[in-house]
Amino acid sequence: MKKILLAGNEAMAEAAILAGCYFYAGYPITPQNELINHLAKRMREENRVFIQAESELAAINMVMGASSLGFRAMTSSSSPGISLKQEGISYMAGCQLPAVIINAVRGGPGLGNIASSQSDYFQATRGGGHGDYFTVVLAPYSVQEAFNFVILAFDLADYYRNPVIVLADAIIAQMAEPVVFFKKGSFNKKIPPKNWALGRKDGIKKIVKSFFLKEGDLEKHNNILKKKWDKIRKNEQRYDTYRLDDAEYLIISYGSQARISQEAVDILRDKNIKVGLFRPVSLWPFPERFLKNISKKIKKFLVVEQSLGQMVEDVKLVLQTNDIYFLGKAGGGIPKASEIINFIKKI
């Protein structure tokens, strides 16, 4: 099959086109600017709608409006820009509106820097805005996966009527790799028609809202949302493993850091240390079932993150053991394979 060399940002933009994204609104910020620049050209070529909004707040609300009319809609940004979008994401979750949000994570807090980071894990997986809600979160570890996951994200968003975040750190967004174009992701369920969308000429009055003032109505609405999120948690746990069959020690990592961890696994295996890698692909829902199932044969666990420790909290919740260790760096620092190897030897 034909492969095309693309940076992660470009690959995600092309995936959105292929997935049928009709509306995009965004605002420039490094390190995702190549994505918005690429879409500025490509959306026009495809006779679709591209808007460079006046702010991140404007962009997410434009996406909410387009989604309410039934269009496939997307926005993208990097950490502080995603923070500004949180109110709109909460509104969309409350209104059960599908959308894809891409975050090319950079160092923080505050404006931080433009180096890669994984410090937005809590924000993405815990519902970074107000109220009880969740967004599906996918974490690619290659440019090919970044491409695949954007297509998958649109399908998941439409099927569950829920925002989906593609959490791609700056390394994935900026690096270039060969990409094979696929029209479909790994989602194989039939997506229902958008009979709920505004503007449909079927004679039925449509209302899309997250505002419930009558006593008890908001509680009922939240319970409806919870049933949906319980269904997502049951059906959409995704993960990948590497050299796991006879592993006695397990590295748990995601995104670009999983690639570095994989290199460490190979080097340690050459030294006859039985190490494997568990890579969460869906950060929410966290792939807890499989991790719990394999934990019985593992002596010790090492969580590697490009943060001060966020995913490690979920690992601890799942495994409930004292044999969990953590190696992480924040503010753009990157754990080296040699550091992972030394840490495993130490424990």
Foldseek 3Di string as FASTA:
>chain_A
DDWDKDALLLLLLVLCVLLQQQEEEEEDDPPNNVNLVNNVPVNVVVVGYYYDDPALCVRLVVQLVCQLQPGAYEYEDEDVSVLSCLVSQVFQLLLLTEYEYEYQYAFDDPPQDRFWFDVCLCCQAQRVHDDHAHAWEFEDAASQVSNQVSSVSSQVCQQLSHYHYYYAYSNRRGDIDIYDDDSHHPDDDDGDGPPQHPPDPPPDDHDGGNDDDPPPPNVVSVVVSVVSLVVCLVPPWDKDKFQQPQAQEEEEEEHNLQVQQVVLCVVVVVVVHRYMYIYGRTSVVHNLPVCLVSVVRYDAYEYEGQDPDDSVVVVCVRNVDPRYHYDYHGSNDHDGSVNVNVVVVVD
